[in-house]
Amino acid sequence: PDLLRRSTRLIGKNCPGSVAVQQRLKRDTPTLQTKHDIRNVWTTLLITMGWASARAWRGAIDWPAMVALGKACGGALAGIGVLETLWRVEELVIDTTWYYEDDRAMLPCSAAMCLANSAAMAWAC
């Protein structure tokens, strides 16, 4: 519906009176993008905790083993949280207009992103 509304708005802008533009209605559910992002976060959390638990599993079910599992999962979630935040910020920067309009800004910004990714991956591993 958002694409249709946007299309009719652009057509109405270029050819006034040709189509009727509907007003945007208040949503009672999250957008598809929001649902997709929530699912990605949930999947990432589950995979991260599963991998950390498998690596930290000592083969026993006692209090020290559970504490070790908790520490491993906490560290893994903190690491993936930092990486995901960095990648989201980079996506937002890449989506800005100045990133594409100014050639002198794109190359240093991309180099800084590569350096930040390298440092973050070295820290996370």
Protein backbone atom coordinates (compact mmCIF):
# COMPACT_ATOMS: atom_id res chain seq x y z
CA PRO A 1 0.00 0.00 0.00
CA ASP A 2 2.84 2.44 0.70
CA LEU A 3 4.30 1.90 -2.78
CA LEU A 4 0.90 2.39 -4.39
CA ARG A 5 0.30 5.58 -2.42
CA ARG A 6 3.76 6.85 -3.33
CA SER A 7 3.20 6.03 -7.01
CA THR A 8 -0.17 7.76 -7.12
CA ARG A 9 1.32 10.78 -5.34
CA LEU A 10 4.10 11.01 -7.97
CA ILE A 11 1.60 10.61 -10.81
CA GLY A 12 -0.63 13.25 -9.24
CA LYS A 13 2.36 15.56 -8.88
CA ASN A 14 3.34 15.24 -12.56
CA CYS A 15 -0.21 15.05 -13.96
CA PRO A 16 -2.50 16.99 -11.59
CA GLY A 17 -6.07 15.69 -11.45
CA SER A 18 -5.30 12.37 -13.19
CA VAL A 19 -5.56 10.17 -10.06
CA ALA A 20 -7.00 10.59 -6.60
CA VAL A 21 -4.39 10.28 -3.88
CA GLN A 22 -5.67 8.48 -0.79
CA GLN A 23 -4.76 9.78 2.63
CA ARG A 24 -2.47 7.62 4.71
CA LEU A 25 -4.37 5.62 7.31
CA LYS A 26 -3.07 5.00 10.80
CA ARG A 27 -1.46 1.56 11.03
CA ASP A 28 -2.67 -0.90 13.62
CA THR A 29 0.23 -3.30 12.99
CA PRO A 30 3.98 -2.76 12.54
CA THR A 31 5.32 -2.19 9.04
CA LEU A 32 6.73 -5.08 7.06
CA GLN A 33 10.24 -3.66 7.47
CA THR A 34 9.80 -3.54 11.25
CA LYS A 35 8.54 -7.13 11.32
CA HIS A 36 11.51 -8.18 9.18
CA ASP A 37 13.98 -6.39 11.47
CA ILE A 38 12.46 -7.97 14.59
CA ARG A 39 12.68 -11.42 13.03
CA ASN A 40 16.31 -10.83 12.04
CA VAL A 41 17.21 -9.68 15.57
CA TRP A 42 15.44 -12.68 17.11
CA THR A 43 17.16 -15.12 14.75
CA THR A 44 20.55 -13.51 15.37
CA LEU A 45 20.05 -13.72 19.14
CA LEU A 46 19.06 -17.39 18.99
CA ILE A 47 21.95 -18.40 16.73
CA THR A 48 24.45 -16.41 18.80
CA MET A 49 23.28 -17.90 22.08
CA GLY A 50 23.20 -21.40 20.59
CA TRP A 51 26.74 -21.10 19.25
CA ALA A 52 28.06 -19.63 22.51
CA SER A 53 26.31 -22.34 24.53
CA ALA A 54 27.71 -25.10 22.34
CA ARG A 55 31.24 -23.73 22.70
CA ALA A 56 30.97 -23.25 26.48
CA TRP A 57 29.20 -26.52 27.29
CA ARG A 58 31.23 -28.51 29.81
CA GLY A 59 29.08 -31.64 29.81
CA ALA A 60 27.74 -31.12 33.30
CA ILE A 61 24.58 -29.56 34.69
CA ASP A 62 25.64 -27.78 37.86
CA TRP A 63 25.84 -24.18 39.04
CA PRO A 64 29.39 -23.41 37.77
CA ALA A 65 28.50 -24.82 34.34
CA MET A 66 25.36 -22.67 34.15
CA VAL A 67 27.35 -19.58 35.18
CA ALA A 68 29.90 -20.36 32.46
CA LEU A 69 27.07 -20.70 29.92
CA GLY A 70 25.59 -17.40 31.07
CA LYS A 71 28.93 -15.61 30.79
CA ALA A 72 29.55 -17.08 27.34
CA CYS A 73 26.10 -16.07 26.10
CA GLY A 74 26.42 -12.59 27.62
CA GLY A 75 29.79 -11.98 26.00
CA ALA A 76 28.62 -13.29 22.66
CA LEU A 77 25.47 -11.14 22.76
CA ALA A 78 27.51 -8.06 23.67
CA GLY A 79 29.89 -8.71 20.79
CA ILE A 80 27.16 -9.29 18.24
CA GLY A 81 25.32 -6.23 19.58
CA VAL A 82 28.35 -4.04 18.90
CA LEU A 83 28.80 -5.52 15.42
CA GLU A 84 25.12 -5.19 14.50
CA THR A 85 25.04 -1.59 15.73
CA LEU A 86 28.13 -0.76 13.69
CA TRP A 87 26.63 -2.33 10.56
CA ARG A 88 23.30 -0.52 11.04
CA VAL A 89 25.08 2.82 11.40
CA GLU A 90 27.08 2.10 8.25
CA GLU A 91 23.87 1.30 6.36
CA LEU A 92 22.37 4.60 7.50
CA VAL A 93 25.47 6.49 6.36
CA ILE A 94 25.44 4.74 2.98
CA ASP A 95 21.76 5.67 2.52
CA THR A 96 22.43 9.40 2.96
CA THR A 97 22.57 11.68 -0.07
CA TRP A 98 25.88 13.34 0.84
CA TYR A 99 27.59 9.95 0.67
CA TYR A 100 26.85 9.72 -3.06
CA GLU A 101 26.88 13.40 -3.98
CA ASP A 102 30.39 14.24 -2.75
CA ASP A 103 33.09 12.03 -4.27
CA ARG A 104 35.67 13.42 -1.86
CA ALA A 105 33.60 12.24 1.12
CA MET A 106 32.69 8.77 -0.16
CA LEU A 107 36.20 7.31 -0.38
CA PRO A 108 37.44 8.41 3.07
CA CYS A 109 34.11 7.39 4.61
CA SER A 110 34.29 3.95 2.99
CA ALA A 111 37.90 3.55 4.13
CA ALA A 112 36.87 4.50 7.68
CA MET A 113 34.07 1.92 7.53
CA CYS A 114 36.54 -0.77 6.45
CA LEU A 115 38.89 0.20 9.28
CA ALA A 116 36.03 0.20 11.81
CA ASN A 117 34.83 -3.21 10.58
CA SER A 118 38.36 -4.63 10.82
CA ALA A 119 38.81 -3.30 14.35
CA ALA A 120 35.37 -4.52 15.46
CA MET A 121 35.91 -8.01 14.00
CA ALA A 122 39.35 -8.24 15.62
CA TRP A 123 37.81 -7.23 18.96
CA ALA A 124 34.86 -9.64 18.61
CA CYS A 125 36.99 -12.64 17.68
